[in-house]
């Protein structure tokens, strides 16, 4: 049986690397939106909220500026969710579970850590930001790719995947919520070119821009985008797809160990909600309320899995 600390290390290793990539994509989306606005700092307040670090930012900075927000999200070690902090934490967890990883996965992890630390050793110039974003996305994807291509499909693989998709579901739900309640400056902008550009940026931040175009011919309708990011099981970053994977991997663990935990029931209940919902019902009842409830249930599941590690010991 796997030791609880190994399961914990794998779960958080992949959560942290997923978060590092998500934060990099948020910065990219924020930069694209800010370039179209006269007061770009306002947009960064929404990005900080989406990343869940707005309060932490204002503990460090008295004033919101684009440069400070980007640096806080990328490099500031006082921000536990900065890219640098997440990559450090991901590698530290990888070191704890080194014997559970293939050589290829460990080398990709080290490469990500070394190159990102070098690139982010000093505050970036605006011209260097695209290069940094691309490197982070590439190196974190390389970790996932080497792991996926070289690991046995056993409990190690299952815990890593559960961590990845819990983090991914959290990220997608927060980004979508912020779009509706923070990024859009006024109801008068709904349906305008500004609104469309913001939606395009949000779709890019979750790697869904081209996929959305394939399905909906690039027509930016809020209900269609919400449906795509919440309920479309073909989109790798949707809530529905994430929970199909979470339930699948939890069920593999239940079969391997011959016991179901509270986390299994919670995950199945969340997946059932996503399978049975229609986007019109969600929108009519309140998208914000739906996403707020989802984030709460997703956090509850994460806590239950953490508490369940003692069973896998």
C-alpha atoms as a PDB file:
ATOM      1  CA  UNK A   1       0.000   0.000   0.000  1.00  0.00           C
ATOM      2  CA  UNK A   2       1.066   3.562  -0.648  1.00  0.00           C
ATOM      3  CA  UNK A   3       2.188   5.652   2.308  1.00  0.00           C
ATOM      4  CA  UNK A   4      -0.082   8.553   3.172  1.00  0.00           C
ATOM      5  CA  UNK A   5       2.753  11.063   2.831  1.00  0.00           C
ATOM      6  CA  UNK A   6       3.463   9.772  -0.685  1.00  0.00           C
ATOM      7  CA  UNK A   7      -0.174  10.179  -1.691  1.00  0.00           C
ATOM      8  CA  UNK A   8      -0.165  13.665  -0.168  1.00  0.00           C
ATOM      9  CA  UNK A   9       3.050  14.590  -1.993  1.00  0.00           C
ATOM     10  CA  UNK A  10       1.725  13.449  -5.367  1.00  0.00           C
ATOM     11  CA  UNK A  11      -1.616  15.169  -4.872  1.00  0.00           C
ATOM     12  CA  UNK A  12      -0.010  18.506  -4.035  1.00  0.00           C
ATOM     13  CA  UNK A  13       2.866  18.232  -6.485  1.00  0.00           C
ATOM     14  CA  UNK A  14       0.429  18.184  -9.377  1.00  0.00           C
ATOM     15  CA  UNK A  15      -1.910  20.737  -7.822  1.00  0.00           C
ATOM     16  CA  UNK A  16       0.966  23.202  -7.528  1.00  0.00           C
ATOM     17  CA  UNK A  17       2.239  22.717 -11.077  1.00  0.00           C
ATOM     18  CA  UNK A  18      -1.303  23.035 -12.422  1.00  0.00           C
ATOM     19  CA  UNK A  19      -1.719  26.230 -10.388  1.00  0.00           C
ATOM     20  CA  UNK A  20       1.560  27.660 -11.704  1.00  0.00           C
ATOM     21  CA  UNK A  21       0.352  27.205 -15.272  1.00  0.00           C
ATOM     22  CA  UNK A  22      -3.082  28.600 -14.448  1.00  0.00           C
ATOM     23  CA  UNK A  23      -1.592  31.733 -12.874  1.00  0.00           C
ATOM     24  CA  UNK A  24       0.617  32.227 -15.932  1.00  0.00           C
ATOM     25  CA  UNK A  25      -2.445  31.974 -18.168  1.00  0.00           C
ATOM     26  CA  UNK A  26      -4.343  34.439 -15.972  1.00  0.00           C
ATOM     27  CA  UNK A  27      -1.501  36.946 -16.324  1.00  0.00           C
ATOM     28  CA  UNK A  28      -1.589  36.479 -20.087  1.00  0.00           C
ATOM     29  CA  UNK A  29      -5.352  37.063 -20.138  1.00  0.00           C
ATOM     30  CA  UNK A  30      -5.021  40.098 -17.881  1.00  0.00           C
ATOM     31  CA  UNK A  31      -2.369  41.597 -20.105  1.00  0.00           C
ATOM     32  CA  UNK A  32      -4.527  41.160 -23.207  1.00  0.00           C
ATOM     33  CA  UNK A  33      -7.558  42.780 -21.558  1.00  0.00           C
ATOM     34  CA  UNK A  34      -5.542  45.636 -20.033  1.00  0.00           C
ATOM     35  CA  UNK A  35      -4.125  46.607 -23.425  1.00  0.00           C
ATOM     36  CA  UNK A  36      -7.638  47.480 -24.600  1.00  0.00           C
ATOM     37  CA  UNK A  37      -8.545  49.651 -21.619  1.00  0.00           C
ATOM     38  CA  UNK A  38      -7.569  53.167 -20.558  1.00  0.00           C
ATOM     39  CA  UNK A  39      -7.304  52.161 -16.905  1.00  0.00           C
ATOM     40  CA  UNK A  40      -5.546  48.816 -16.960  1.00  0.00           C
ATOM     41  CA  UNK A  41      -5.056  48.690 -13.186  1.00  0.00           C
ATOM     42  CA  UNK A  42      -8.781  48.042 -12.657  1.00  0.00           C
ATOM     43  CA  UNK A  43      -8.529  44.850 -14.684  1.00  0.00           C
ATOM     44  CA  UNK A  44      -5.709  43.563 -12.497  1.00  0.00           C
ATOM     45  CA  UNK A  45      -7.949  43.822  -9.455  1.00  0.00           C
ATOM     46  CA  UNK A  46     -10.199  41.250 -11.147  1.00  0.00           C
ATOM     47  CA  UNK A  47      -7.232  39.032 -11.989  1.00  0.00           C
ATOM     48  CA  UNK A  48      -6.033  39.143  -8.371  1.00  0.00           C
ATOM     49  CA  UNK A  49      -9.525  38.193  -7.222  1.00  0.00           C
ATOM     50  CA  UNK A  50      -9.641  35.327  -9.699  1.00  0.00           C
ATOM     51  CA  UNK A  51      -6.307  34.054  -8.396  1.00  0.00           C
ATOM     52  CA  UNK A  52      -7.605  34.353  -4.825  1.00  0.00           C
ATOM     53  CA  UNK A  53      -4.768  36.680  -3.759  1.00  0.00           C
ATOM     54  CA  UNK A  54      -6.319  40.155  -3.747  1.00  0.00           C
ATOM     55  CA  UNK A  55      -6.169  40.450   0.040  1.00  0.00           C
ATOM     56  CA  UNK A  56      -2.575  39.182   0.109  1.00  0.00           C
ATOM     57  CA  UNK A  57      -1.595  41.731  -2.531  1.00  0.00           C
ATOM     58  CA  UNK A  58      -2.861  44.685  -0.500  1.00  0.00           C
ATOM     59  CA  UNK A  59      -1.008  43.417   2.552  1.00  0.00           C
ATOM     60  CA  UNK A  60       2.174  44.026   0.531  1.00  0.00           C
ATOM     61  CA  UNK A  61       1.226  46.972  -1.714  1.00  0.00           C
ATOM     62  CA  UNK A  62      -0.793  50.065  -0.824  1.00  0.00           C
ATOM     63  CA  UNK A  63      -1.651  50.849  -4.451  1.00  0.00           C
ATOM     64  CA  UNK A  64      -2.711  48.660  -7.357  1.00  0.00           C
ATOM     65  CA  UNK A  65      -0.589  48.951 -10.493  1.00  0.00           C
ATOM     66  CA  UNK A  66      -0.233  46.595 -13.420  1.00  0.00           C
ATOM     67  CA  UNK A  67       3.532  46.175 -12.878  1.00  0.00           C
ATOM     68  CA  UNK A  68       3.159  45.328  -9.201  1.00  0.00           C
ATOM     69  CA  UNK A  69       0.237  42.959  -9.840  1.00  0.00           C
ATOM     70  CA  UNK A  70       2.171  41.058 -12.513  1.00  0.00           C
ATOM     71  CA  UNK A  71       5.269  40.815 -10.331  1.00  0.00           C
ATOM     72  CA  UNK A  72       3.190  39.699  -7.342  1.00  0.00           C
ATOM     73  CA  UNK A  73       1.559  36.954  -9.407  1.00  0.00           C
ATOM     74  CA  UNK A  74       4.803  35.854 -11.039  1.00  0.00           C
ATOM     75  CA  UNK A  75       7.663  36.260  -8.582  1.00  0.00           C
ATOM     76  CA  UNK A  76       6.665  37.383  -5.109  1.00  0.00           C
ATOM     77  CA  UNK A  77       7.427  34.676  -2.546  1.00  0.00           C
ATOM     78  CA  UNK A  78       5.143  36.449  -0.089  1.00  0.00           C
ATOM     79  CA  UNK A  79       2.365  35.244  -2.376  1.00  0.00           C
ATOM     80  CA  UNK A  80       1.978  31.470  -1.838  1.00  0.00           C
ATOM     81  CA  UNK A  81       0.173  31.231  -5.179  1.00  0.00           C
ATOM     82  CA  UNK A  82       2.762  33.088  -7.258  1.00  0.00           C
ATOM     83  CA  UNK A  83       4.275  31.117 -10.114  1.00  0.00           C
ATOM     84  CA  UNK A  84       7.648  30.994  -8.353  1.00  0.00           C
ATOM     85  CA  UNK A  85       6.072  29.842  -5.069  1.00  0.00           C
ATOM     86  CA  UNK A  86       4.000  27.160  -6.808  1.00  0.00           C
ATOM     87  CA  UNK A  87       6.937  25.779  -8.790  1.00  0.00           C
ATOM     88  CA  UNK A  88       9.068  25.693  -5.616  1.00  0.00           C
ATOM     89  CA  UNK A  89       6.289  23.915  -3.720  1.00  0.00           C
ATOM     90  CA  UNK A  90       5.680  21.510  -6.601  1.00  0.00           C
ATOM     91  CA  UNK A  91       9.364  20.559  -6.761  1.00  0.00           C
ATOM     92  CA  UNK A  92       9.590  20.187  -2.974  1.00  0.00           C
ATOM     93  CA  UNK A  93       6.696  17.742  -3.065  1.00  0.00           C
ATOM     94  CA  UNK A  94       8.337  15.952  -5.991  1.00  0.00           C
ATOM     95  CA  UNK A  95      11.495  15.514  -3.904  1.00  0.00           C
ATOM     96  CA  UNK A  96       9.419  13.933  -1.138  1.00  0.00           C
ATOM     97  CA  UNK A  97       8.000  11.373  -3.578  1.00  0.00           C
ATOM     98  CA  UNK A  98      11.116  11.026  -5.757  1.00  0.00           C
ATOM     99  CA  UNK A  99      11.070   7.210  -5.662  1.00  0.00           C
ATOM    100  CA  UNK A 100       7.464   7.193  -6.904  1.00  0.00           C
ATOM    101  CA  UNK A 101       8.335   9.184 -10.044  1.00  0.00           C
ATOM    102  CA  UNK A 102       9.983   8.047 -13.247  1.00  0.00           C
ATOM    103  CA  UNK A 103      13.345   9.539 -14.202  1.00  0.00           C
ATOM    104  CA  UNK A 104      11.727  11.445 -17.070  1.00  0.00           C
ATOM    105  CA  UNK A 105       9.189  13.086 -14.759  1.00  0.00           C
ATOM    106  CA  UNK A 106      11.823  14.057 -12.198  1.00  0.00           C
ATOM    107  CA  UNK A 107      14.090  15.530 -14.886  1.00  0.00           C
ATOM    108  CA  UNK A 108      11.212  17.548 -16.371  1.00  0.00           C
ATOM    109  CA  UNK A 109      10.380  18.832 -12.872  1.00  0.00           C
ATOM    110  CA  UNK A 110      13.963  19.893 -12.236  1.00  0.00           C
ATOM    111  CA  UNK A 111      14.211  21.519 -15.645  1.00  0.00           C
ATOM    112  CA  UNK A 112      11.059  23.533 -14.974  1.00  0.00           C
ATOM    113  CA  UNK A 113      12.371  24.645 -11.583  1.00  0.00           C
ATOM    114  CA  UNK A 114      15.845  25.615 -12.808  1.00  0.00           C
ATOM    115  CA  UNK A 115      14.752  27.502 -15.926  1.00  0.00           C
ATOM    116  CA  UNK A 116      11.858  29.336 -14.301  1.00  0.00           C
ATOM    117  CA  UNK A 117      14.001  30.366 -11.329  1.00  0.00           C
ATOM    118  CA  UNK A 118      16.618  31.748 -13.703  1.00  0.00           C
ATOM    119  CA  UNK A 119      14.110  33.589 -15.871  1.00  0.00           C
ATOM    120  CA  UNK A 120      12.215  35.050 -12.895  1.00  0.00           C
ATOM    121  CA  UNK A 121      15.253  35.950 -10.788  1.00  0.00           C
ATOM    122  CA  UNK A 122      14.579  39.653 -11.420  1.00  0.00           C
ATOM    123  CA  UNK A 123      11.537  41.754 -12.223  1.00  0.00           C
ATOM    124  CA  UNK A 124      10.599  41.315 -15.865  1.00  0.00           C
ATOM    125  CA  UNK A 125      10.409  44.028 -18.464  1.00  0.00           C
ATOM    126  CA  UNK A 126       7.041  44.110 -20.270  1.00  0.00           C
ATOM    127  CA  UNK A 127       8.769  42.951 -23.465  1.00  0.00           C
ATOM    128  CA  UNK A 128      10.011  39.805 -21.682  1.00  0.00           C
ATOM    129  CA  UNK A 129       6.637  38.804 -20.236  1.00  0.00           C
ATOM    130  CA  UNK A 130       5.390  36.762 -23.250  1.00  0.00           C
ATOM    131  CA  UNK A 131       8.599  34.703 -23.188  1.00  0.00           C
ATOM    132  CA  UNK A 132       8.158  33.990 -19.472  1.00  0.00           C
ATOM    133  CA  UNK A 133       4.507  32.996 -19.882  1.00  0.00           C
ATOM    134  CA  UNK A 134       5.355  30.654 -22.757  1.00  0.00           C
ATOM    135  CA  UNK A 135       8.196  29.029 -20.805  1.00  0.00           C
ATOM    136  CA  UNK A 136       5.995  28.371 -17.771  1.00  0.00           C
ATOM    137  CA  UNK A 137       3.217  26.863 -19.892  1.00  0.00           C
ATOM    138  CA  UNK A 138       5.695  24.751 -21.839  1.00  0.00           C
ATOM    139  CA  UNK A 139       7.632  23.441 -18.833  1.00  0.00           C
ATOM    140  CA  UNK A 140       4.587  22.579 -16.729  1.00  0.00           C
ATOM    141  CA  UNK A 141       3.021  20.837 -19.732  1.00  0.00           C
ATOM    142  CA  UNK A 142       6.254  18.873 -20.142  1.00  0.00           C
ATOM    143  CA  UNK A 143       5.951  17.585 -16.562  1.00  0.00           C
ATOM    144  CA  UNK A 144       2.402  16.392 -17.215  1.00  0.00           C
ATOM    145  CA  UNK A 145       3.407  14.906 -20.555  1.00  0.00           C
ATOM    146  CA  UNK A 146       6.373  12.926 -19.255  1.00  0.00           C
ATOM    147  CA  UNK A 147       4.330  11.705 -16.302  1.00  0.00           C
ATOM    148  CA  UNK A 148       1.435  10.661 -18.529  1.00  0.00           C
ATOM    149  CA  UNK A 149       3.730   8.893 -20.975  1.00  0.00           C
ATOM    150  CA  UNK A 150       5.945   7.038 -18.515  1.00  0.00           C
ATOM    151  CA  UNK A 151       3.918   6.136 -15.403  1.00  0.00           C
ATOM    152  CA  UNK A 152       2.066   2.967 -14.567  1.00  0.00           C
ATOM    153  CA  UNK A 153      -1.680   3.477 -14.280  1.00  0.00           C
ATOM    154  CA  UNK A 154      -1.659   2.724 -10.558  1.00  0.00           C
ATOM    155  CA  UNK A 155      -2.431   4.622  -7.338  1.00  0.00           C
ATOM    156  CA  UNK A 156       0.482   6.999  -8.021  1.00  0.00           C
ATOM    157  CA  UNK A 157      -1.102   8.021 -11.301  1.00  0.00           C
ATOM    158  CA  UNK A 158      -4.544   8.291  -9.691  1.00  0.00           C
ATOM    159  CA  UNK A 159      -3.507  10.648  -6.892  1.00  0.00           C
ATOM    160  CA  UNK A 160      -1.579  12.855  -9.331  1.00  0.00           C
ATOM    161  CA  UNK A 161      -4.563  13.104 -11.656  1.00  0.00           C
ATOM    162  CA  UNK A 162      -6.985  13.864  -8.828  1.00  0.00           C
ATOM    163  CA  UNK A 163      -4.777  16.745  -7.692  1.00  0.00           C
ATOM    164  CA  UNK A 164      -4.502  18.094 -11.240  1.00  0.00           C
ATOM    165  CA  UNK A 165      -8.226  18.116 -11.910  1.00  0.00           C
ATOM    166  CA  UNK A 166      -9.330  19.461  -8.532  1.00  0.00           C
ATOM    167  CA  UNK A 167      -7.004  22.416  -9.103  1.00  0.00           C
ATOM    168  CA  UNK A 168      -8.150  22.809 -12.702  1.00  0.00           C
ATOM    169  CA  UNK A 169     -11.835  22.809 -11.756  1.00  0.00           C
ATOM    170  CA  UNK A 170     -11.191  25.413  -9.075  1.00  0.00           C
ATOM    171  CA  UNK A 171      -9.340  27.621 -11.552  1.00  0.00           C
ATOM    172  CA  UNK A 172     -11.971  27.445 -14.316  1.00  0.00           C
ATOM    173  CA  UNK A 173     -14.834  28.183 -11.931  1.00  0.00           C
ATOM    174  CA  UNK A 174     -13.053  31.206 -10.425  1.00  0.00           C
ATOM    175  CA  UNK A 175     -12.149  32.674 -13.812  1.00  0.00           C
ATOM    176  CA  UNK A 176     -15.709  32.342 -15.079  1.00  0.00           C
ATOM    177  CA  UNK A 177     -17.126  33.896 -11.918  1.00  0.00           C
ATOM    178  CA  UNK A 178     -14.760  36.856 -12.089  1.00  0.00           C
ATOM    179  CA  UNK A 179     -15.744  37.527 -15.713  1.00  0.00           C
ATOM    180  CA  UNK A 180     -19.362  38.030 -14.748  1.00  0.00           C
ATOM    181  CA  UNK A 181     -18.855  40.029 -11.573  1.00  0.00           C
ATOM    182  CA  UNK A 182     -15.551  41.868 -11.874  1.00  0.00           C
ATOM    183  CA  UNK A 183     -14.029  42.171 -15.329  1.00  0.00           C
ATOM    184  CA  UNK A 184     -17.074  43.574 -17.118  1.00  0.00           C
ATOM    185  CA  UNK A 185     -17.082  47.287 -16.178  1.00  0.00           C
ATOM    186  CA  UNK A 186     -20.729  48.001 -16.973  1.00  0.00           C
ATOM    187  CA  UNK A 187     -23.862  46.276 -18.203  1.00  0.00           C
ATOM    188  CA  UNK A 188     -23.731  48.746 -21.094  1.00  0.00           C
ATOM    189  CA  UNK A 189     -20.677  46.905 -22.427  1.00  0.00           C
ATOM    190  CA  UNK A 190     -22.464  43.554 -22.726  1.00  0.00           C
ATOM    191  CA  UNK A 191     -22.342  42.403 -26.332  1.00  0.00           C
ATOM    192  CA  UNK A 192     -19.930  45.138 -27.429  1.00  0.00           C
ATOM    193  CA  UNK A 193     -16.515  44.623 -28.982  1.00  0.00           C
ATOM    194  CA  UNK A 194     -14.978  45.239 -25.543  1.00  0.00           C
ATOM    195  CA  UNK A 195     -17.099  42.487 -24.042  1.00  0.00           C
ATOM    196  CA  UNK A 196     -16.175  40.117 -26.868  1.00  0.00           C
ATOM    197  CA  UNK A 197     -12.477  40.832 -26.381  1.00  0.00           C
ATOM    198  CA  UNK A 198     -12.756  40.083 -22.680  1.00  0.00           C
ATOM    199  CA  UNK A 199     -14.522  36.793 -23.380  1.00  0.00           C
ATOM    200  CA  UNK A 200     -11.838  35.905 -25.902  1.00  0.00           C
ATOM    201  CA  UNK A 201      -9.172  36.576 -23.271  1.00  0.00           C
ATOM    202  CA  UNK A 202     -10.978  34.457 -20.691  1.00  0.00           C
ATOM    203  CA  UNK A 203     -11.249  31.575 -23.143  1.00  0.00           C
ATOM    204  CA  UNK A 204      -7.534  31.900 -23.894  1.00  0.00           C
ATOM    205  CA  UNK A 205      -6.737  31.814 -20.178  1.00  0.00           C
ATOM    206  CA  UNK A 206      -8.233  28.316 -19.930  1.00  0.00           C
ATOM    207  CA  UNK A 207      -6.852  27.065 -23.267  1.00  0.00           C
ATOM    208  CA  UNK A 208     -10.338  27.017 -24.757  1.00  0.00           C
ATOM    209  CA  UNK A 209     -10.347  29.784 -27.355  1.00  0.00           C
ATOM    210  CA  UNK A 210      -9.807  27.689 -30.467  1.00  0.00           C
ATOM    211  CA  UNK A 211     -11.909  24.811 -29.166  1.00  0.00           C
ATOM    212  CA  UNK A 212     -14.800  27.215 -28.550  1.00  0.00           C
ATOM    213  CA  UNK A 213     -14.461  28.501 -32.099  1.00  0.00           C
ATOM    214  CA  UNK A 214     -14.720  24.976 -33.461  1.00  0.00           C
ATOM    215  CA  UNK A 215     -17.943  24.358 -31.556  1.00  0.00           C
ATOM    216  CA  UNK A 216     -19.624  27.782 -31.751  1.00  0.00           C
ATOM    217  CA  UNK A 217     -17.973  29.452 -34.760  1.00  0.00           C
ATOM    218  CA  UNK A 218     -16.439  32.154 -32.584  1.00  0.00           C
ATOM    219  CA  UNK A 219     -19.769  33.737 -31.576  1.00  0.00           C
ATOM    220  CA  UNK A 220     -19.324  35.048 -28.031  1.00  0.00           C
ATOM    221  CA  UNK A 221     -22.583  34.476 -26.189  1.00  0.00           C
ATOM    222  CA  UNK A 222     -22.317  34.439 -22.384  1.00  0.00           C
ATOM    223  CA  UNK A 223     -24.649  31.457 -21.969  1.00  0.00           C
ATOM    224  CA  UNK A 224     -22.763  29.444 -24.602  1.00  0.00           C
ATOM    225  CA  UNK A 225     -19.407  30.222 -23.018  1.00  0.00           C
ATOM    226  CA  UNK A 226     -20.699  29.327 -19.560  1.00  0.00           C
ATOM    227  CA  UNK A 227     -22.140  26.088 -20.937  1.00  0.00           C
ATOM    228  CA  UNK A 228     -18.825  25.295 -22.637  1.00  0.00           C
ATOM    229  CA  UNK A 229     -16.694  25.919 -19.536  1.00  0.00           C
ATOM    230  CA  UNK A 230     -19.075  24.261 -17.078  1.00  0.00           C
ATOM    231  CA  UNK A 231     -20.907  21.399 -18.792  1.00  0.00           C
ATOM    232  CA  UNK A 232     -19.041  20.342 -21.946  1.00  0.00           C
ATOM    233  CA  UNK A 233     -17.421  16.972 -21.207  1.00  0.00           C
ATOM    234  CA  UNK A 234     -15.217  17.234 -24.300  1.00  0.00           C
ATOM    235  CA  UNK A 235     -13.363  20.325 -23.063  1.00  0.00           C
ATOM    236  CA  UNK A 236     -10.321  19.282 -20.943  1.00  0.00           C
ATOM    237  CA  UNK A 237     -10.649  22.322 -18.661  1.00  0.00           C
ATOM    238  CA  UNK A 238     -14.405  22.297 -18.107  1.00  0.00           C
ATOM    239  CA  UNK A 239     -15.885  21.507 -14.711  1.00  0.00           C
ATOM    240  CA  UNK A 240     -17.740  18.500 -16.128  1.00  0.00           C
ATOM    241  CA  UNK A 241     -14.630  16.995 -17.746  1.00  0.00           C
ATOM    242  CA  UNK A 242     -12.585  17.554 -14.577  1.00  0.00           C
ATOM    243  CA  UNK A 243     -15.131  15.709 -12.461  1.00  0.00           C
ATOM    244  CA  UNK A 244     -15.407  12.816 -14.865  1.00  0.00           C
ATOM    245  CA  UNK A 245     -11.661  12.332 -14.343  1.00  0.00           C
ATOM    246  CA  UNK A 246     -11.754  12.882 -10.576  1.00  0.00           C
ATOM    247  CA  UNK A 247     -14.519  10.297 -10.106  1.00  0.00           C
ATOM    248  CA  UNK A 248     -12.790   7.825 -12.423  1.00  0.00           C
ATOM    249  CA  UNK A 249      -9.506   7.985 -10.525  1.00  0.00           C
ATOM    250  CA  UNK A 250     -11.171   7.892  -7.111  1.00  0.00           C
ATOM    251  CA  UNK A 251     -13.102   4.813  -8.201  1.00  0.00           C
ATOM    252  CA  UNK A 252      -9.862   3.151  -9.301  1.00  0.00           C
ATOM    253  CA  UNK A 253      -8.490   3.777  -5.782  1.00  0.00           C
ATOM    254  CA  UNK A 254     -11.656   2.339  -4.224  1.00  0.00           C
ATOM    255  CA  UNK A 255     -11.276  -0.806  -6.353  1.00  0.00           C
ATOM    256  CA  UNK A 256      -7.575  -1.145  -5.509  1.00  0.00           C
ATOM    257  CA  UNK A 257      -8.033  -0.736  -1.752  1.00  0.00           C
ATOM    258  CA  UNK A 258     -11.463  -2.290  -1.371  1.00  0.00           C
ATOM    259  CA  UNK A 259     -12.947   0.633   0.508  1.00  0.00           C
ATOM    260  CA  UNK A 260     -14.905   3.763  -0.341  1.00  0.00           C
ATOM    261  CA  UNK A 261     -14.365   6.952   1.623  1.00  0.00           C
ATOM    262  CA  UNK A 262     -16.493  10.041   2.174  1.00  0.00           C
ATOM    263  CA  UNK A 263     -14.580  11.709  -0.665  1.00  0.00           C
ATOM    264  CA  UNK A 264     -15.982   9.189  -3.146  1.00  0.00           C
ATOM    265  CA  UNK A 265     -19.570  10.116  -2.282  1.00  0.00           C
ATOM    266  CA  UNK A 266     -18.844  13.841  -2.487  1.00  0.00           C
ATOM    267  CA  UNK A 267     -17.173  13.510  -5.893  1.00  0.00           C
ATOM    268  CA  UNK A 268     -20.013  11.397  -7.272  1.00  0.00           C
ATOM    269  CA  UNK A 269     -22.569  13.927  -6.011  1.00  0.00           C
ATOM    270  CA  UNK A 270     -20.752  16.831  -7.690  1.00  0.00           C
ATOM    271  CA  UNK A 271     -20.460  14.909 -10.946  1.00  0.00           C
ATOM    272  CA  UNK A 272     -24.169  14.044 -10.775  1.00  0.00           C
ATOM    273  CA  UNK A 273     -25.009  17.730 -10.381  1.00  0.00           C
ATOM    274  CA  UNK A 274     -22.927  18.631 -13.434  1.00  0.00           C
ATOM    275  CA  UNK A 275     -24.432  15.825 -15.500  1.00  0.00           C
ATOM    276  CA  UNK A 276     -28.014  16.775 -14.671  1.00  0.00           C
ATOM    277  CA  UNK A 277     -27.763  20.557 -14.998  1.00  0.00           C
ATOM    278  CA  UNK A 278     -28.845  22.661 -17.969  1.00  0.00           C
ATOM    279  CA  UNK A 279     -27.162  25.987 -18.564  1.00  0.00           C
ATOM    280  CA  UNK A 280     -30.503  27.824 -18.746  1.00  0.00           C
ATOM    281  CA  UNK A 281     -31.364  26.617 -15.250  1.00  0.00           C
ATOM    282  CA  UNK A 282     -27.956  27.662 -13.966  1.00  0.00           C
ATOM    283  CA  UNK A 283     -28.251  31.121 -15.503  1.00  0.00           C
ATOM    284  CA  UNK A 284     -31.849  31.599 -14.329  1.00  0.00           C
ATOM    285  CA  UNK A 285     -30.966  30.626 -10.755  1.00  0.00           C
ATOM    286  CA  UNK A 286     -27.778  32.699 -10.750  1.00  0.00           C
ATOM    287  CA  UNK A 287     -24.418  31.793 -12.248  1.00  0.00           C
ATOM    288  CA  UNK A 288     -22.523  33.379  -9.363  1.00  0.00           C
ATOM    289  CA  UNK A 289     -24.426  31.322  -6.801  1.00  0.00           C
ATOM    290  CA  UNK A 290     -23.810  28.136  -8.783  1.00  0.00           C
ATOM    291  CA  UNK A 291     -20.077  28.786  -9.080  1.00  0.00           C
ATOM    292  CA  UNK A 292     -19.754  29.860  -5.461  1.00  0.00           C
ATOM    293  CA  UNK A 293     -21.406  26.612  -4.369  1.00  0.00           C
ATOM    294  CA  UNK A 294     -19.192  24.623  -6.739  1.00  0.00           C
ATOM    295  CA  UNK A 295     -15.992  26.141  -5.356  1.00  0.00           C
ATOM    296  CA  UNK A 296     -17.140  25.356  -1.823  1.00  0.00           C
ATOM    297  CA  UNK A 297     -17.926  21.720  -2.691  1.00  0.00           C
ATOM    298  CA  UNK A 298     -14.665  21.351  -4.597  1.00  0.00           C
ATOM    299  CA  UNK A 299     -12.732  22.639  -1.565  1.00  0.00           C
ATOM    300  CA  UNK A 300     -14.644  20.248   0.659  1.00  0.00           C
ATOM    301  CA  UNK A 301     -13.640  17.342  -1.569  1.00  0.00           C
ATOM    302  CA  UNK A 302      -9.991  18.400  -1.461  1.00  0.00           C
ATOM    303  CA  UNK A 303     -10.126  18.449   2.339  1.00  0.00           C
ATOM    304  CA  UNK A 304     -11.784  15.026   2.461  1.00  0.00           C
ATOM    305  CA  UNK A 305      -9.088  13.569   0.228  1.00  0.00           C
ATOM    306  CA  UNK A 306      -6.388  15.080   2.447  1.00  0.00           C
ATOM    307  CA  UNK A 307      -8.019  13.586   5.519  1.00  0.00           C
ATOM    308  CA  UNK A 308      -8.385  10.254   3.733  1.00  0.00           C
ATOM    309  CA  UNK A 309      -4.633   9.909   3.187  1.00  0.00           C
ATOM    310  CA  UNK A 310      -4.294   8.147   6.533  1.00  0.00           C
ATOM    311  CA  UNK A 311      -6.303   5.283   5.051  1.00  0.00           C
ATOM    312  CA  UNK A 312      -3.693   4.864   2.324  1.00  0.00           C
ATOM    313  CA  UNK A 313      -0.933   4.120   4.814  1.00  0.00           C
END
